[in-house]
Amino acid sequence: MRPDPTAPQAPQGADAPTQSALSDVAEASCVNPRTAPELALWGHDLRAALSEVIGALRLIDAERLPAATKLQFARTAAASEALSLLLERALSLALDCGAVPHSPVLQTERLMANLKLRWTARLRDQGRQFQLLAAPDLPTTLGLDGALFERVMSNLLGNAAKYAPTGRVICRMGLLDDLTLQISVQDDGPGFSPQSLAFLNDYQTLPETPAARGTGLGLVIVREMVQAAGGVLDIRNRAEGGALAMVTLPLMPHQARDLEPINTSALPDLSHLRILLADDSPTHRALHQTLLTQMGAEVVLAKDGVETIGRIERESFDLAIIDIEMPYFNGLDVIRHIRAMAGGVADLPIIALTSHCRAEMAEKVNALGVEVMITKPVQGAPELGSAVLGAHQHSNLLPPRTAVLALADIQINGDQFANLLQMAGPLGAAKILAHIHDDLTHAERALIAAAHTKNWAEVRAQTHVLIALAGTAGAERLSHQVQALNLLAQNAQPDQGTFLTLLPQLLESLRELLNFITMKIKEHGART
């Protein structure tokens, strides 16, 4: 039987949550403004660490792995993106007090595939079976909050896995009506005790004793989340044995309420695409998101260049629509960063958005491998849908990009770089280059965080570090750029325009140096 919350148990930590703790959490809807900057920096560090994990996974050639390892790799990759989704939502709730996060529609096929992949592997490792049964009438996209869905499923399936030590866990999904999704999770375990059912149906009965703390609160939290979303959670025991949890969740309509519904049958079908939409204008983000979701696309939003780069580093997309005129890093800077990334991300199809479609801008965009540039706001869903399909199909016909970097391309002093490798010796070259790569990457992350918060003391500190590293590698262009930014940051009131001009140029040179060093590490590793 599942634990009886009124029976004596081992405490699960002195600070385990109780009902009063749940109320305290609910009341603390945002962080103290005095600690918000510190939390923002912690958020950057967490995002950067997760980006490194996902970036490392993207560098692995999964096709060369043994079958069993390949499955675990795919499971880890799917879990890392789910973690990214939860991290973004948690930070958004903490830092944007009272803000209502956007909830894109989710691609049903992708959602089911990731769910099956992760939980089949997890339960198989525990000697059990997982079965996912999706009704054939499920639409190709679901108007669901992705973070809510992830938390609900993790709690329901995790609870079944924990308390059903043998047998199967079966998850069913179907529609009660056009705008209501029903999810059920059943297991072959011992079911809930009467006390547990009483507690889960009325958690006010939880005894305020240390021995009972932490018991069953996972499902209580699920109930709170589901009810807040307008849904219902029903927990019961099955007559044939085992437990059953049933959730109904309202689905959001795909079009905004203030726009007239359109004939979606006459529009391009984008239900197979997950799209990143980056634009600093809330109006244009809302408009273009509405048009794209009407055509079935799953749309993730970014409001500036920093957030766009972070999303690209931590999540997988089929296409990106990027506004050229954005703060922090403009669209051209973002596109350059994407084109320099490893693991196939450099081939991402991109559509450039601009309010001023000039010939010189079109040339710059085209030089970065972007074939489609459209003027915003777009004229309507058919035009936007056709542009998206055209960019995606054209990208599939192109060969993979290969970045070939030479010393001259990134302005490295060849003699100085060769001297560095000579001092390290044949066996130490790869190691010293790896150390430089790690130090450069850390400084890059810290500099971006400092730039985002306008922490000039940290900008000075990180540019000072980069001056030494660029000098060691003989990267002359980067060295000049870093020194210029360091001097600028020493002013009492650094000029914002100059700063936003210098920083993207510096980061582009830094990324080129990192890619070059990565290539050299592989070369020296192969020789040894």
Protein backbone atom coordinates (compact mmCIF):
# COMPACT_ATOMS: atom_id res chain seq x y z
CA MET A 1 0.00 0.00 0.00
CA ARG A 2 1.06 3.57 -0.51
CA PRO A 3 2.17 5.34 2.70
CA ASP A 4 -0.40 6.30 5.29
CA PRO A 5 0.21 9.99 6.11
CA THR A 6 -1.10 9.53 9.65
CA ALA A 7 1.24 6.66 10.47
CA PRO A 8 4.66 7.25 12.11
CA GLN A 9 7.37 7.65 9.47
CA ALA A 10 10.93 8.74 9.18
CA PRO A 11 11.06 12.53 8.76
CA GLN A 12 11.98 13.70 5.27
CA GLY A 13 14.04 16.66 6.40
CA ALA A 14 13.49 19.24 9.06
CA ASP A 15 12.28 21.73 6.50
CA ALA A 16 9.96 19.39 4.57
CA PRO A 17 6.85 21.26 3.33
CA THR A 18 3.47 21.15 5.08
CA GLN A 19 0.13 22.68 4.17
CA SER A 20 1.15 25.95 5.84
CA ALA A 21 4.35 25.87 3.82
CA LEU A 22 2.30 25.55 0.63
CA SER A 23 0.41 28.68 1.58
CA ASP A 24 3.67 30.50 2.25
CA VAL A 25 4.96 29.52 -1.19
CA ALA A 26 1.76 30.68 -2.83
CA GLU A 27 2.01 34.07 -1.12
CA ALA A 28 5.66 34.53 -2.13
CA SER A 29 4.85 35.13 -5.79
CA CYS A 30 8.06 36.94 -6.62
CA VAL A 31 11.51 37.66 -5.25
CA ASN A 32 12.54 40.61 -3.14
CA PRO A 33 13.56 43.43 -5.53
CA ARG A 34 16.80 43.83 -3.58
CA THR A 35 17.81 40.24 -4.38
CA ALA A 36 16.54 40.24 -7.97
CA PRO A 37 19.88 41.25 -9.55
CA GLU A 38 21.66 38.45 -7.69
CA LEU A 39 19.00 35.97 -8.79
CA ALA A 40 19.36 37.19 -12.38
CA LEU A 41 23.08 36.39 -12.24
CA TRP A 42 22.36 32.99 -10.71
CA GLY A 43 19.88 32.47 -13.51
CA HIS A 44 22.54 33.29 -16.07
CA ASP A 45 24.97 30.85 -14.47
CA LEU A 46 22.33 28.11 -14.44
CA ARG A 47 21.45 28.77 -18.07
CA ALA A 48 25.12 28.83 -19.06
CA ALA A 49 25.79 25.50 -17.32
CA LEU A 50 22.77 23.92 -18.98
CA SER A 51 23.84 25.33 -22.34
CA GLU A 52 27.21 23.63 -21.90
CA VAL A 53 25.51 20.30 -21.18
CA ILE A 54 23.21 20.55 -24.19
CA GLY A 55 26.05 21.84 -26.38
CA ALA A 56 28.17 18.84 -25.41
CA LEU A 57 25.30 16.48 -26.24
CA ARG A 58 24.95 18.07 -29.66
CA LEU A 59 28.59 17.33 -30.42
CA ILE A 60 28.05 13.58 -29.95
CA ASP A 61 27.42 11.63 -33.13
CA ALA A 62 24.53 9.48 -31.91
CA GLU A 63 24.55 7.34 -35.06
CA ARG A 64 27.91 5.88 -34.04
CA LEU A 65 26.71 4.76 -30.61
CA PRO A 66 25.63 1.20 -29.77
CA ALA A 67 21.85 0.71 -29.81
CA ALA A 68 21.43 0.63 -26.02
CA THR A 69 23.67 3.67 -25.51
CA LYS A 70 21.91 5.51 -28.34
CA LEU A 71 18.59 5.10 -26.54
CA GLN A 72 20.02 6.46 -23.30
CA PHE A 73 21.59 9.34 -25.20
CA ALA A 74 18.25 10.27 -26.78
CA ARG A 75 16.58 10.02 -23.36
CA THR A 76 19.19 12.35 -21.85
CA ALA A 77 18.84 14.85 -24.71
CA ALA A 78 15.04 14.93 -24.31
CA ALA A 79 15.34 15.33 -20.54
CA SER A 80 17.83 18.20 -20.92
CA GLU A 81 15.37 20.16 -23.05
CA ALA A 82 12.59 19.48 -20.55
CA LEU A 83 14.91 20.80 -17.83
CA SER A 84 15.52 23.92 -19.91
CA LEU A 85 11.78 24.49 -20.22
CA LEU A 86 11.28 24.18 -16.45
CA LEU A 87 14.26 26.41 -15.70
CA GLU A 88 12.98 29.18 -17.98
CA ARG A 89 9.53 29.04 -16.40
CA ALA A 90 10.90 29.06 -12.84
CA LEU A 91 13.13 32.06 -13.54
CA SER A 92 10.33 33.83 -15.37
CA LEU A 93 7.98 33.41 -12.41
CA ALA A 94 10.65 34.56 -9.96
CA LEU A 95 11.92 37.59 -11.85
CA ASP A 96 8.79 38.74 -13.72
CA CYS A 97 6.43 38.99 -10.76
CA GLY A 98 2.84 38.86 -11.90
CA ALA A 99 3.72 38.44 -15.57
CA VAL A 100 1.69 35.89 -17.48
CA PRO A 101 4.07 33.71 -19.51
CA HIS A 102 3.13 32.93 -23.08
CA SER A 103 1.91 29.39 -23.69
CA PRO A 104 2.70 28.13 -27.16
CA VAL A 105 0.85 25.26 -28.75
CA LEU A 106 2.78 22.01 -28.55
CA GLN A 107 3.34 19.51 -31.33
CA THR A 108 1.49 16.36 -30.33
CA GLU A 109 3.79 13.93 -32.10
CA ARG A 110 6.93 15.46 -30.59
CA LEU A 111 5.33 15.64 -27.16
CA MET A 112 4.30 11.97 -27.21
CA ALA A 113 7.64 10.80 -28.62
CA ASN A 114 9.65 12.54 -25.87
CA LEU A 115 7.29 11.30 -23.16
CA LYS A 116 7.50 7.71 -24.39
CA LEU A 117 11.26 7.86 -24.86
CA ARG A 118 12.06 9.12 -21.36
CA TRP A 119 9.63 7.00 -19.35
CA THR A 120 10.08 3.77 -21.31
CA ALA A 121 13.80 3.91 -20.58
CA ARG A 122 13.35 4.92 -16.94
CA LEU A 123 10.82 2.19 -16.10
CA ARG A 124 12.71 -0.42 -18.09
CA ASP A 125 15.77 0.31 -15.94
CA GLN A 126 13.57 -0.52 -12.92
CA GLY A 127 12.29 -3.77 -14.45
CA ARG A 128 8.88 -2.44 -15.47
CA GLN A 129 6.97 -1.59 -18.62
CA PHE A 130 5.60 1.75 -19.78
CA GLN A 131 2.78 2.00 -22.27
CA LEU A 132 1.60 5.26 -23.83
CA LEU A 133 -1.78 5.13 -25.57
CA ALA A 134 -2.71 8.27 -27.49
CA ALA A 135 -6.19 8.49 -28.97
CA PRO A 136 -6.21 8.64 -32.79
CA ASP A 137 -8.39 11.76 -32.75
CA LEU A 138 -5.79 13.90 -30.96
CA PRO A 139 -5.05 17.03 -33.02
CA THR A 140 -1.59 17.57 -34.47
CA THR A 141 -1.05 20.40 -31.98
CA LEU A 142 -2.26 20.98 -28.44
CA GLY A 143 -2.87 24.36 -26.83
CA LEU A 144 -1.04 23.51 -23.60
CA ASP A 145 1.37 25.18 -21.24
CA GLY A 146 4.50 23.08 -21.81
CA ALA A 147 5.90 23.63 -18.31
CA LEU A 148 2.57 22.71 -16.70
CA PHE A 149 2.32 19.53 -18.81
CA GLU A 150 5.90 18.54 -17.91
CA ARG A 151 5.35 19.01 -14.18
CA VAL A 152 2.02 17.17 -14.18
CA MET A 153 3.38 14.19 -16.11
CA SER A 154 6.59 14.01 -14.08
CA ASN A 155 4.63 13.91 -10.82
CA LEU A 156 1.97 11.44 -11.98
CA LEU A 157 4.38 9.05 -13.68
CA GLY A 158 7.01 9.47 -10.98
CA ASN A 159 4.44 8.61 -8.32
CA ALA A 160 3.36 5.48 -10.23
CA ALA A 161 6.99 4.44 -10.73
CA LYS A 162 7.77 4.92 -7.05
CA TYR A 163 4.84 2.99 -5.59
CA ALA A 164 4.33 0.28 -8.22
CA PRO A 165 7.48 -1.83 -7.89
CA THR A 166 6.37 -4.39 -10.50
CA GLY A 167 4.17 -4.63 -13.56
CA ARG A 168 3.15 -1.86 -15.93
CA VAL A 169 2.44 1.83 -15.90
CA ILE A 170 -0.09 2.83 -18.56
CA CYS A 171 -0.70 6.42 -19.64
CA ARG A 172 -3.69 7.27 -21.83
CA MET A 173 -4.43 10.58 -23.54
CA GLY A 174 -7.56 11.61 -25.38
CA LEU A 175 -10.11 14.38 -25.83
CA LEU A 176 -13.25 14.76 -23.76
CA ASP A 177 -14.35 17.46 -26.18
CA ASP A 178 -12.66 19.81 -28.64
CA LEU A 179 -11.07 21.92 -25.88
CA THR A 180 -10.51 19.43 -23.04
CA LEU A 181 -7.62 16.98 -22.80
CA GLN A 182 -7.95 13.95 -20.54
CA ILE A 183 -4.85 12.20 -19.15
CA SER A 184 -4.92 9.03 -17.08
CA VAL A 185 -2.05 7.17 -15.41
CA GLN A 186 -2.65 3.73 -13.94
CA ASP A 187 -0.33 1.21 -12.32
CA ASP A 188 -0.42 -2.37 -11.04
CA GLY A 189 0.80 -1.46 -7.56
CA PRO A 190 -0.96 -1.83 -4.20
CA GLY A 191 -3.06 1.30 -4.60
CA PHE A 192 -3.67 4.08 -2.07
CA SER A 193 -4.49 3.51 1.58
CA PRO A 194 -7.81 5.02 2.78
CA GLN A 195 -5.83 7.60 4.76
CA SER A 196 -3.82 8.57 1.68
CA LEU A 197 -6.95 8.99 -0.42
CA ALA A 198 -8.52 11.15 2.29
CA PHE A 199 -5.42 13.30 2.43
CA LEU A 200 -5.14 13.66 -1.37
CA ASN A 201 -8.80 14.60 -1.70
CA ASP A 202 -8.66 17.04 1.22
CA TYR A 203 -5.08 17.90 2.10
CA GLN A 204 -6.26 20.11 4.95
CA THR A 205 -6.36 16.87 6.96
CA LEU A 206 -2.57 16.52 6.85
CA PRO A 207 -1.38 16.35 10.46
CA GLU A 208 1.01 19.14 11.36
CA THR A 209 3.54 16.71 12.83
CA PRO A 210 7.19 16.26 11.83
CA ALA A 211 6.60 12.56 11.15
CA ALA A 212 3.99 13.31 8.47
CA ARG A 213 5.80 16.10 6.64
CA GLY A 214 6.54 15.67 2.95
CA THR A 215 4.07 12.81 2.42
CA GLY A 216 1.90 12.95 -0.71
CA LEU A 217 2.60 16.62 -1.35
CA GLY A 218 3.73 15.93 -4.93
CA LEU A 219 0.18 15.02 -5.95
CA VAL A 220 -1.22 17.86 -3.84
CA ILE A 221 0.95 20.29 -5.79
CA VAL A 222 -0.25 18.72 -9.06
CA ARG A 223 -3.84 19.28 -7.92
CA GLU A 224 -3.09 22.93 -7.18
CA MET A 225 -1.47 23.46 -10.60
CA VAL A 226 -4.24 21.67 -12.46
CA GLN A 227 -6.99 23.58 -10.64
CA ALA A 228 -5.21 26.90 -11.28
CA ALA A 229 -5.29 26.02 -15.00
CA GLY A 230 -9.03 25.31 -14.83
CA GLY A 231 -8.66 21.52 -14.74
CA VAL A 232 -9.48 18.66 -12.40
CA LEU A 233 -7.39 15.91 -10.78
CA ASP A 234 -9.13 12.72 -9.63
CA ILE A 235 -7.22 10.14 -7.56
CA ARG A 236 -8.76 6.71 -6.92
CA ASN A 237 -8.05 2.99 -6.58
CA ARG A 238 -8.96 0.64 -9.42
CA ALA A 239 -11.43 -2.15 -8.70
CA GLU A 240 -9.05 -4.67 -10.27
CA GLY A 241 -6.12 -3.41 -8.19
CA GLY A 242 -3.63 -0.61 -8.49
CA ALA A 243 -4.01 3.18 -8.56
CA LEU A 244 -5.51 5.54 -11.13
CA ALA A 245 -4.90 9.26 -11.51
CA MET A 246 -7.04 11.18 -14.01
CA VAL A 247 -6.45 14.76 -15.09
CA THR A 248 -8.56 16.97 -17.32
CA LEU A 249 -6.95 20.11 -18.70
CA PRO A 250 -8.60 22.80 -20.81
CA LEU A 251 -6.88 23.37 -24.14
CA MET A 252 -6.28 26.93 -25.26
CA PRO A 253 -7.69 27.93 -28.64
CA HIS A 254 -4.96 28.57 -31.19
CA GLN A 255 -6.07 32.06 -32.14
CA ALA A 256 -6.05 35.19 -30.02
CA ARG A 257 -9.46 36.26 -28.74
CA ASP A 258 -9.27 39.69 -30.28
CA LEU A 259 -8.66 38.37 -33.80
CA GLU A 260 -11.32 36.96 -36.07
CA PRO A 261 -11.04 33.20 -36.66
CA ILE A 262 -9.76 32.36 -40.12
CA ASN A 263 -10.17 29.47 -42.51
CA THR A 264 -7.16 27.44 -41.45
CA SER A 265 -7.80 24.79 -44.11
CA ALA A 266 -6.65 27.27 -46.76
CA LEU A 267 -3.35 28.02 -44.96
CA PRO A 268 0.02 26.28 -45.12
CA ASP A 269 0.37 23.44 -42.60
CA LEU A 270 3.13 24.26 -40.08
CA SER A 271 2.12 21.65 -37.49
CA HIS A 272 5.41 19.81 -37.97
CA LEU A 273 7.54 22.84 -37.05
CA ARG A 274 8.84 24.23 -33.77
CA ILE A 275 9.72 27.87 -34.38
CA LEU A 276 11.70 30.41 -32.36
CA LEU A 277 10.25 33.90 -32.81
CA ALA A 278 12.63 36.66 -31.67
CA ASP A 279 11.39 40.25 -31.64
CA ASP A 280 11.67 43.09 -29.12
CA SER A 281 8.20 44.41 -30.00
CA PRO A 282 5.46 42.84 -27.82
CA THR A 283 2.89 43.80 -30.45
CA HIS A 284 4.71 42.08 -33.30
CA ARG A 285 5.52 39.04 -31.14
CA ALA A 286 1.83 38.61 -30.29
CA LEU A 287 0.69 39.16 -33.88
CA HIS A 288 3.18 36.82 -35.51
CA GLN A 289 2.75 34.19 -32.80
CA THR A 290 -1.00 34.22 -33.42
CA LEU A 291 -0.56 33.80 -37.17
CA LEU A 292 1.94 30.97 -36.77
CA THR A 293 -0.13 29.08 -34.20
CA GLN A 294 -3.20 29.38 -36.44
CA MET A 295 -1.19 27.32 -38.92
CA GLY A 296 -0.32 24.75 -36.24
CA ALA A 297 3.28 25.71 -35.43
CA GLU A 298 4.71 25.44 -31.94
CA VAL A 299 6.10 28.92 -31.22
CA VAL A 300 8.65 29.89 -28.56
CA LEU A 301 9.23 33.60 -27.95
CA ALA A 302 12.38 35.62 -27.24
CA LYS A 303 12.38 39.36 -26.57
CA ASP A 304 16.03 40.31 -27.26
CA GLY A 305 19.30 39.04 -28.66
CA VAL A 306 20.59 37.62 -25.37
CA GLU A 307 17.47 35.55 -24.77
CA THR A 308 17.49 34.40 -28.41
CA ILE A 309 21.05 33.09 -28.18
CA GLY A 310 20.23 31.34 -24.91
CA ARG A 311 17.17 29.65 -26.38
CA ILE A 312 19.13 28.46 -29.41
CA GLU A 313 21.87 27.04 -27.18
CA ARG A 314 19.46 25.13 -24.92
CA GLU A 315 16.55 24.10 -27.13
CA SER A 316 15.94 22.49 -30.51
CA PHE A 317 14.05 24.32 -33.24
CA ASP A 318 13.12 23.61 -36.84
CA LEU A 319 13.34 27.28 -37.84
CA ALA A 320 14.01 30.73 -36.34
CA ILE A 321 12.40 34.06 -37.22
CA ILE A 322 14.74 36.79 -36.04
CA ASP A 323 14.14 40.53 -35.92
CA ILE A 324 17.18 42.45 -37.14
CA GLU A 325 16.59 45.45 -34.84
CA MET A 326 16.84 44.03 -31.29
CA PRO A 327 18.55 45.32 -28.12
CA TYR A 328 21.73 43.90 -26.56
CA PHE A 329 22.65 41.82 -29.63
CA ASN A 330 20.94 42.72 -32.88
CA GLY A 331 19.64 40.14 -35.33
CA LEU A 332 22.84 40.09 -37.38
CA ASP A 333 24.91 39.35 -34.26
CA VAL A 334 22.53 36.55 -33.31
CA ILE A 335 22.66 35.02 -36.79
CA ARG A 336 26.47 35.15 -36.81
CA HIS A 337 26.48 33.36 -33.45
CA ILE A 338 24.14 30.64 -34.76
CA ARG A 339 26.20 30.11 -37.90
CA ALA A 340 29.31 29.56 -35.75
CA MET A 341 27.69 26.98 -33.47
CA ALA A 342 28.52 23.30 -33.55
CA GLY A 343 26.40 20.17 -33.57
CA GLY A 344 24.37 20.99 -36.68
CA VAL A 345 22.78 24.11 -35.17
CA ALA A 346 24.65 26.26 -37.72
CA ASP A 347 22.34 24.88 -40.42
CA LEU A 348 19.17 26.15 -38.73
CA PRO A 349 16.82 27.75 -41.29
CA ILE A 350 16.40 31.44 -40.50
CA ILE A 351 13.98 34.14 -41.63
CA ALA A 352 15.07 37.72 -41.02
CA LEU A 353 12.46 40.28 -39.94
CA THR A 354 13.01 43.98 -40.47
CA SER A 355 11.02 47.21 -40.47
CA HIS A 356 13.29 48.72 -43.15
CA CYS A 357 13.98 46.40 -46.09
CA ARG A 358 17.03 48.10 -47.62
CA ALA A 359 19.31 46.63 -50.28
CA GLU A 360 22.43 46.86 -48.11
CA MET A 361 20.65 45.05 -45.27
CA ALA A 362 19.52 42.31 -47.63
CA GLU A 363 23.15 41.84 -48.72
CA LYS A 364 24.34 41.50 -45.11
CA VAL A 365 21.60 39.03 -44.28
CA ASN A 366 22.22 36.99 -47.42
CA ALA A 367 25.95 36.84 -46.67
CA LEU A 368 25.09 35.07 -43.40
CA GLY A 369 23.22 32.33 -45.22
CA VAL A 370 19.71 33.71 -44.76
CA GLU A 371 17.71 33.41 -47.96
CA VAL A 372 14.43 34.91 -46.74
CA MET A 373 13.93 38.42 -45.36
CA ILE A 374 10.45 39.84 -44.83
CA THR A 375 9.19 43.26 -43.75
CA LYS A 376 7.13 43.45 -40.58
CA PRO A 377 4.36 43.45 -39.87
CA VAL A 378 3.62 40.70 -42.37
CA GLN A 379 0.54 41.10 -44.54
CA GLY A 380 -1.16 37.95 -43.28
CA ALA A 381 -0.92 34.29 -42.39
CA PRO A 382 -0.62 32.99 -46.00
CA GLU A 383 2.43 35.16 -46.70
CA LEU A 384 4.12 34.27 -43.42
CA GLY A 385 3.31 30.57 -43.80
CA SER A 386 4.66 30.46 -47.33
CA ALA A 387 7.88 32.17 -46.24
CA VAL A 388 8.34 29.68 -43.40
CA LEU A 389 7.76 26.64 -45.61
CA GLY A 390 10.01 28.07 -48.32
CA ALA A 391 12.89 28.72 -45.89
CA HIS A 392 12.54 25.31 -44.27
CA GLN A 393 12.36 23.38 -47.53
CA HIS A 394 15.25 25.35 -49.08
CA SER A 395 17.45 24.63 -46.05
CA ASN A 396 16.81 20.89 -46.39
CA LEU A 397 18.26 20.99 -49.91
CA LEU A 398 21.54 22.61 -48.84
CA PRO A 399 24.65 20.63 -47.83
CA PRO A 400 25.74 20.95 -44.16
CA ARG A 401 27.83 24.00 -43.38
CA THR A 402 31.49 23.43 -42.68
CA ALA A 403 33.42 26.17 -40.97
CA VAL A 404 37.01 26.23 -42.19
CA LEU A 405 39.05 28.64 -40.11
CA ALA A 406 42.61 29.72 -40.70
CA LEU A 407 44.98 31.92 -38.74
CA ALA A 408 44.39 34.81 -41.11
CA ASP A 409 40.60 34.54 -40.80
CA ILE A 410 40.69 35.43 -37.12
CA GLN A 411 43.92 37.46 -37.21
CA ILE A 412 46.13 35.30 -35.05
CA ASN A 413 49.87 35.89 -34.90
CA GLY A 414 51.06 32.61 -36.41
CA ASP A 415 54.54 32.75 -34.85
CA GLN A 416 53.15 33.43 -31.37
CA PHE A 417 50.56 30.65 -31.64
CA ALA A 418 53.19 28.19 -32.89
CA ASN A 419 55.48 29.20 -30.02
CA LEU A 420 52.67 28.47 -27.54
CA LEU A 421 52.27 24.95 -28.93
CA GLN A 422 56.02 24.43 -29.01
CA MET A 423 56.35 25.37 -25.33
CA ALA A 424 53.57 22.93 -24.45
CA GLY A 425 55.22 20.11 -26.37
CA PRO A 426 53.55 17.40 -28.49
CA LEU A 427 51.89 15.75 -25.50
CA GLY A 428 50.83 18.95 -23.73
CA ALA A 429 49.47 20.97 -26.67
CA ALA A 430 45.93 19.59 -26.53
CA LYS A 431 45.85 20.05 -22.75
CA ILE A 432 46.99 23.67 -22.76
CA LEU A 433 44.58 24.48 -25.59
CA ALA A 434 41.74 22.89 -23.61
CA HIS A 435 42.61 25.07 -20.62
CA ILE A 436 42.58 28.19 -22.81
CA HIS A 437 39.25 27.12 -24.33
CA ASP A 438 37.69 26.65 -20.89
CA ASP A 439 38.99 30.00 -19.63
CA LEU A 440 37.76 31.80 -22.75
CA THR A 441 34.33 30.18 -22.46
CA HIS A 442 34.01 31.14 -18.79
CA ALA A 443 35.03 34.71 -19.53
CA GLU A 444 32.58 34.87 -22.45
CA ARG A 445 29.68 33.77 -20.23
CA ALA A 446 30.62 36.15 -17.44
CA LEU A 447 31.04 39.06 -19.87
CA ILE A 448 27.59 38.46 -21.40
CA ALA A 449 26.05 38.39 -17.91
CA ALA A 450 27.84 41.59 -16.94
CA ALA A 451 26.80 43.29 -20.18
CA HIS A 452 23.18 42.29 -19.64
CA THR A 453 23.09 43.85 -16.16
CA LYS A 454 25.42 46.76 -17.01
CA ASN A 455 27.82 45.68 -14.29
CA TRP A 456 30.79 47.77 -15.40
CA ALA A 457 33.12 46.50 -12.69
CA GLU A 458 32.57 42.94 -13.92
CA VAL A 459 32.97 44.07 -17.54
CA ARG A 460 36.36 45.51 -16.61
CA ALA A 461 37.30 42.31 -14.75
CA GLN A 462 36.36 39.97 -17.58
CA THR A 463 37.93 42.07 -20.32
CA HIS A 464 41.11 42.13 -18.24
CA VAL A 465 41.04 38.32 -18.21
CA LEU A 466 40.42 38.24 -21.95
CA ILE A 467 43.32 40.59 -22.66
CA ALA A 468 45.69 38.07 -21.10
CA LEU A 469 44.09 35.08 -22.85
CA ALA A 470 44.02 36.76 -26.26
CA GLY A 471 47.66 37.71 -25.82
CA THR A 472 48.60 34.14 -24.92
CA ALA A 473 46.87 32.77 -28.04
CA GLY A 474 48.25 35.53 -30.26
CA ALA A 475 44.73 36.66 -31.21
CA GLU A 476 45.61 40.21 -32.23
CA ARG A 477 42.21 41.42 -33.45
CA LEU A 478 40.46 40.11 -30.34
CA SER A 479 43.17 41.67 -28.16
CA HIS A 480 42.57 45.12 -29.69
CA GLN A 481 38.78 44.78 -29.30
CA VAL A 482 39.01 43.68 -25.67
CA GLN A 483 41.37 46.52 -24.79
CA ALA A 484 38.97 49.03 -26.38
CA LEU A 485 36.04 47.66 -24.39
CA ASN A 486 38.09 47.63 -21.20
CA LEU A 487 38.98 51.31 -21.65
CA LEU A 488 35.35 52.16 -22.33
CA ALA A 489 34.20 50.36 -19.17
CA GLN A 490 36.63 52.42 -17.09
CA ASN A 491 34.66 55.61 -17.79
CA ALA A 492 32.36 56.90 -15.08
CA GLN A 493 29.43 56.71 -17.52
CA PRO A 494 30.35 54.46 -20.48
CA ASP A 495 28.71 55.44 -23.76
CA GLN A 496 25.92 52.93 -24.44
CA GLY A 497 26.03 53.29 -28.21
CA THR A 498 29.76 52.62 -28.39
CA PHE A 499 29.41 49.71 -25.96
CA LEU A 500 26.66 48.05 -28.03
CA THR A 501 28.81 48.48 -31.14
CA LEU A 502 32.03 47.08 -29.65
CA LEU A 503 30.56 44.15 -27.71
CA PRO A 504 29.06 42.17 -30.64
CA GLN A 505 32.27 42.58 -32.65
CA LEU A 506 34.31 41.33 -29.70
CA LEU A 507 32.01 38.35 -29.13
CA GLU A 508 32.15 37.40 -32.80
CA SER A 509 35.96 37.39 -32.72
CA LEU A 510 35.90 35.45 -29.45
CA ARG A 511 33.56 32.82 -30.91
CA GLU A 512 35.80 32.44 -33.96
CA LEU A 513 38.82 31.95 -31.69
CA LEU A 514 36.94 29.33 -29.65
CA ASN A 515 35.98 27.42 -32.79
CA PHE A 516 39.56 27.58 -34.06
CA ILE A 517 40.96 26.28 -30.76
CA THR A 518 38.36 23.48 -30.73
CA MET A 519 39.56 22.43 -34.16
CA LYS A 520 43.20 22.47 -33.01
CA ILE A 521 42.36 20.43 -29.91
CA LYS A 522 40.84 17.73 -32.12
CA GLU A 523 43.89 17.80 -34.41
CA HIS A 524 46.36 17.35 -31.56
CA GLY A 525 44.16 14.76 -29.87
CA ALA A 526 44.16 12.70 -33.07
CA ARG A 527 47.95 12.88 -33.33
CA THR A 528 48.46 11.53 -29.80
